[in-house]
Amino acid sequence: MKTVHKYTLNPHGDGRTIELTDDFTFVYASFMTSSKEVWVWVEVNTDPGAARIERRLKIVRSGDALPQDAIHCGSAIDQYHAEAYHVYLLEA
């Protein structure tokens, strides 16, 4: 069985390391105006025996340099400040 987990990211922070099952799928990313955070939803396997991996989520703003070997997972827009935040997945 699978479920969806939500992770919060500071758009101006250093990123966040999370544990995922190896068959994860990114579902959605959104900028939350009230908390000034980017929320990311990820589908993961709920089987306790499923293989797990650590990965790092990093936010890159439009025009900033991308981390090497980064995989794009989604983008979120702050509609009140015309800013885009792009979520990338990195090796932990």
N, C-alpha and C. Protein backbone atom coordinates (compact mmCIF):
# COMPACT_ATOMS: atom_id res chain seq x y z
N MET A 1 0.84 -1.17 0.00
CA MET A 1 0.00 0.00 0.00
C MET A 1 0.90 1.24 0.00
N LYS A 2 0.35 2.34 -0.49
CA LYS A 2 1.09 3.60 -0.53
C LYS A 2 0.30 4.69 0.17
N THR A 3 1.01 5.76 0.53
CA THR A 3 0.39 6.94 1.12
C THR A 3 1.16 8.16 0.64
N VAL A 4 0.65 9.34 0.95
CA VAL A 4 1.32 10.59 0.58
C VAL A 4 1.75 11.31 1.86
N HIS A 5 3.03 11.68 1.92
CA HIS A 5 3.57 12.45 3.05
C HIS A 5 3.85 13.88 2.60
N LYS A 6 3.69 14.81 3.54
CA LYS A 6 3.97 16.22 3.27
C LYS A 6 5.27 16.61 3.98
N TYR A 7 6.12 17.35 3.28
CA TYR A 7 7.36 17.87 3.85
C TYR A 7 7.37 19.38 3.66
N THR A 8 7.81 20.10 4.69
CA THR A 8 7.89 21.56 4.59
C THR A 8 9.35 21.97 4.39
N LEU A 9 9.54 22.99 3.56
CA LEU A 9 10.88 23.49 3.25
C LEU A 9 10.91 25.00 3.40
N ASN A 10 11.98 25.50 3.99
CA ASN A 10 12.20 26.94 4.07
C ASN A 10 12.78 27.37 2.72
N PRO A 11 12.11 28.28 2.01
CA PRO A 11 12.61 28.66 0.68
C PRO A 11 13.95 29.39 0.71
N HIS A 12 14.38 29.83 1.88
CA HIS A 12 15.66 30.54 1.99
C HIS A 12 16.67 29.75 2.82
N GLY A 13 16.35 28.49 3.13
CA GLY A 13 17.21 27.65 3.97
C GLY A 13 18.17 26.81 3.16
N ASP A 14 18.83 25.90 3.86
CA ASP A 14 19.84 25.03 3.25
C ASP A 14 19.28 23.74 2.70
N GLY A 15 17.99 23.53 2.83
CA GLY A 15 17.39 22.29 2.37
C GLY A 15 17.04 21.40 3.54
N ARG A 16 16.63 20.19 3.21
CA ARG A 16 16.18 19.26 4.24
C ARG A 16 16.46 17.84 3.78
N THR A 17 17.01 17.02 4.68
CA THR A 17 17.23 15.61 4.40
C THR A 17 16.01 14.83 4.85
N ILE A 18 15.51 13.96 3.97
CA ILE A 18 14.33 13.15 4.29
C ILE A 18 14.61 11.69 3.94
N GLU A 19 13.83 10.80 4.54
CA GLU A 19 13.93 9.38 4.23
C GLU A 19 12.74 8.99 3.37
N LEU A 20 13.01 8.36 2.24
CA LEU A 20 11.98 7.95 1.29
C LEU A 20 12.11 6.47 1.00
N THR A 21 11.01 5.85 0.57
CA THR A 21 11.13 4.50 0.04
C THR A 21 11.71 4.61 -1.37
N ASP A 22 12.37 3.57 -1.82
CA ASP A 22 13.06 3.68 -3.11
C ASP A 22 12.12 3.77 -4.31
N ASP A 23 10.81 3.58 -4.09
CA ASP A 23 9.84 3.70 -5.19
C ASP A 23 8.97 4.95 -5.05
N PHE A 24 9.52 6.00 -4.45
CA PHE A 24 8.78 7.24 -4.20
C PHE A 24 8.40 7.93 -5.51
N THR A 25 7.38 8.80 -5.42
CA THR A 25 6.96 9.63 -6.55
C THR A 25 6.59 11.00 -6.01
N PHE A 26 7.13 12.06 -6.59
CA PHE A 26 6.72 13.40 -6.20
C PHE A 26 5.35 13.69 -6.77
N VAL A 27 4.48 14.25 -5.93
CA VAL A 27 3.10 14.50 -6.32
C VAL A 27 2.85 15.97 -6.62
N TYR A 28 3.31 16.86 -5.72
CA TYR A 28 2.93 18.27 -5.86
C TYR A 28 3.84 19.13 -4.98
N ALA A 29 4.05 20.37 -5.40
CA ALA A 29 4.75 21.37 -4.59
C ALA A 29 3.94 22.66 -4.62
N SER A 30 3.88 23.35 -3.48
CA SER A 30 3.09 24.58 -3.40
C SER A 30 3.72 25.54 -2.40
N PHE A 31 3.65 26.83 -2.70
CA PHE A 31 4.10 27.85 -1.76
C PHE A 31 2.93 28.21 -0.86
N MET A 32 3.15 28.11 0.45
CA MET A 32 2.10 28.43 1.42
C MET A 32 2.32 29.85 1.91
N THR A 33 1.45 30.75 1.48
CA THR A 33 1.58 32.18 1.78
C THR A 33 1.56 32.45 3.27
N SER A 34 0.69 31.78 4.01
CA SER A 34 0.55 32.06 5.44
C SER A 34 1.81 31.73 6.24
N SER A 35 2.52 30.67 5.87
CA SER A 35 3.71 30.27 6.62
C SER A 35 5.01 30.61 5.90
N LYS A 36 4.92 31.10 4.66
CA LYS A 36 6.10 31.43 3.84
C LYS A 36 7.03 30.22 3.68
N GLU A 37 6.42 29.06 3.45
CA GLU A 37 7.15 27.82 3.25
C GLU A 37 6.72 27.17 1.94
N VAL A 38 7.58 26.29 1.45
CA VAL A 38 7.20 25.45 0.32
C VAL A 38 6.83 24.09 0.90
N TRP A 39 5.65 23.61 0.53
CA TRP A 39 5.21 22.28 0.95
C TRP A 39 5.34 21.35 -0.23
N VAL A 40 5.87 20.16 0.02
CA VAL A 40 6.07 19.16 -1.02
C VAL A 40 5.36 17.88 -0.58
N TRP A 41 4.57 17.30 -1.48
CA TRP A 41 3.88 16.04 -1.19
C TRP A 41 4.54 14.93 -2.00
N VAL A 42 4.85 13.82 -1.31
CA VAL A 42 5.55 12.70 -1.93
C VAL A 42 4.80 11.40 -1.64
N GLU A 43 4.55 10.61 -2.67
CA GLU A 43 3.93 9.30 -2.50
C GLU A 43 5.01 8.28 -2.14
N VAL A 44 4.78 7.55 -1.04
CA VAL A 44 5.75 6.56 -0.57
C VAL A 44 5.04 5.25 -0.24
N ASN A 45 5.81 4.19 -0.19
CA ASN A 45 5.31 2.86 0.15
C ASN A 45 5.18 2.76 1.67
N THR A 46 4.07 2.19 2.17
CA THR A 46 3.87 2.05 3.62
C THR A 46 4.36 0.72 4.16
N ASP A 47 4.85 -0.16 3.30
CA ASP A 47 5.35 -1.46 3.75
C ASP A 47 6.56 -1.25 4.65
N PRO A 48 6.52 -1.74 5.92
CA PRO A 48 7.66 -1.55 6.83
C PRO A 48 8.95 -2.17 6.31
N GLY A 49 8.85 -3.17 5.43
CA GLY A 49 10.04 -3.82 4.89
C GLY A 49 10.56 -3.18 3.61
N ALA A 50 9.90 -2.13 3.13
CA ALA A 50 10.33 -1.48 1.89
C ALA A 50 11.70 -0.83 2.08
N ALA A 51 12.53 -0.94 1.05
CA ALA A 51 13.86 -0.33 1.10
C ALA A 51 13.73 1.18 1.23
N ARG A 52 14.58 1.78 2.05
CA ARG A 52 14.53 3.22 2.30
C ARG A 52 15.86 3.86 1.91
N ILE A 53 15.76 5.10 1.45
CA ILE A 53 16.94 5.86 1.06
C ILE A 53 16.84 7.27 1.63
N GLU A 54 17.98 7.88 1.92
CA GLU A 54 18.00 9.27 2.36
C GLU A 54 18.31 10.15 1.17
N ARG A 55 17.54 11.22 1.04
CA ARG A 55 17.75 12.20 -0.02
C ARG A 55 17.61 13.59 0.57
N ARG A 56 18.15 14.55 -0.12
CA ARG A 56 18.09 15.94 0.33
C ARG A 56 17.24 16.74 -0.64
N LEU A 57 16.29 17.50 -0.10
CA LEU A 57 15.49 18.42 -0.89
C LEU A 57 16.10 19.80 -0.77
N LYS A 58 16.27 20.47 -1.88
CA LYS A 58 16.88 21.80 -1.90
C LYS A 58 16.03 22.70 -2.78
N ILE A 59 15.81 23.92 -2.33
CA ILE A 59 15.06 24.89 -3.13
C ILE A 59 16.03 25.83 -3.83
N VAL A 60 15.77 26.04 -5.11
CA VAL A 60 16.57 26.96 -5.93
C VAL A 60 15.60 27.98 -6.53
N ARG A 61 15.92 29.25 -6.37
CA ARG A 61 15.06 30.28 -6.95
C ARG A 61 15.43 30.48 -8.42
N SER A 62 14.50 31.00 -9.18
CA SER A 62 14.75 31.27 -10.60
C SER A 62 15.97 32.15 -10.76
N GLY A 63 16.86 31.78 -11.67
CA GLY A 63 18.07 32.55 -11.93
C GLY A 63 19.27 32.12 -11.12
N ASP A 64 19.07 31.32 -10.05
CA ASP A 64 20.19 30.83 -9.24
C ASP A 64 20.79 29.58 -9.88
N ALA A 65 22.06 29.31 -9.55
CA ALA A 65 22.74 28.14 -10.09
C ALA A 65 22.12 26.86 -9.53
N LEU A 66 22.02 25.85 -10.38
CA LEU A 66 21.46 24.57 -9.97
C LEU A 66 22.54 23.69 -9.36
N PRO A 67 22.20 22.92 -8.33
CA PRO A 67 23.17 21.97 -7.78
C PRO A 67 23.51 20.90 -8.82
N GLN A 68 24.74 20.44 -8.80
CA GLN A 68 25.17 19.41 -9.75
C GLN A 68 24.41 18.11 -9.48
N ASP A 69 24.02 17.42 -10.52
CA ASP A 69 23.30 16.14 -10.46
C ASP A 69 21.95 16.24 -9.75
N ALA A 70 21.35 17.40 -9.74
CA ALA A 70 20.05 17.59 -9.10
C ALA A 70 18.93 17.14 -10.03
N ILE A 71 17.86 16.62 -9.44
CA ILE A 71 16.69 16.18 -10.19
C ILE A 71 15.52 17.09 -9.82
N HIS A 72 14.91 17.73 -10.82
CA HIS A 72 13.79 18.64 -10.57
C HIS A 72 12.57 17.84 -10.13
N CYS A 73 11.93 18.29 -9.04
CA CYS A 73 10.77 17.58 -8.47
C CYS A 73 9.49 18.38 -8.59
N GLY A 74 9.59 19.67 -8.74
CA GLY A 74 8.40 20.51 -8.83
C GLY A 74 8.76 21.96 -8.60
N SER A 75 7.82 22.83 -8.86
CA SER A 75 8.02 24.27 -8.66
C SER A 75 6.82 24.84 -7.94
N ALA A 76 7.06 25.90 -7.17
CA ALA A 76 6.00 26.56 -6.42
C ALA A 76 6.14 28.07 -6.63
N ILE A 77 5.02 28.76 -6.71
CA ILE A 77 5.01 30.19 -7.01
C ILE A 77 4.46 30.97 -5.82
N ASP A 78 5.17 32.03 -5.42
CA ASP A 78 4.64 32.99 -4.46
C ASP A 78 3.96 34.06 -5.30
N GLN A 79 2.66 33.98 -5.41
CA GLN A 79 1.92 34.87 -6.32
C GLN A 79 1.92 36.32 -5.89
N TYR A 80 2.21 36.60 -4.62
CA TYR A 80 2.20 37.98 -4.14
C TYR A 80 3.54 38.68 -4.31
N HIS A 81 4.61 37.92 -4.52
CA HIS A 81 5.93 38.52 -4.69
C HIS A 81 6.59 38.11 -6.01
N ALA A 82 5.84 37.50 -6.90
CA ALA A 82 6.34 37.09 -8.22
C ALA A 82 7.66 36.35 -8.12
N GLU A 83 7.71 35.38 -7.21
CA GLU A 83 8.92 34.58 -7.00
C GLU A 83 8.59 33.11 -7.25
N ALA A 84 9.49 32.42 -7.94
CA ALA A 84 9.31 30.98 -8.17
C ALA A 84 10.38 30.22 -7.41
N TYR A 85 9.96 29.14 -6.77
CA TYR A 85 10.86 28.27 -6.01
C TYR A 85 10.83 26.89 -6.65
N HIS A 86 11.99 26.38 -7.03
CA HIS A 86 12.09 25.10 -7.72
C HIS A 86 12.70 24.09 -6.75
N VAL A 87 12.03 22.96 -6.58
CA VAL A 87 12.46 21.93 -5.64
C VAL A 87 13.30 20.90 -6.39
N TYR A 88 14.49 20.63 -5.85
CA TYR A 88 15.39 19.65 -6.45
C TYR A 88 15.75 18.57 -5.43
N LEU A 89 15.96 17.37 -5.94
CA LEU A 89 16.34 16.23 -5.13
C LEU A 89 17.82 15.96 -5.33
N LEU A 90 18.54 15.76 -4.23
CA LEU A 90 19.97 15.51 -4.26
C LEU A 90 20.29 14.25 -3.46
N GLU A 91 21.44 13.67 -3.71
CA GLU A 91 21.92 12.60 -2.84
C GLU A 91 22.13 13.19 -1.45
N ALA A 92 21.84 12.42 -0.41
CA ALA A 92 21.98 12.93 0.97
C ALA A 92 23.44 13.01 1.36
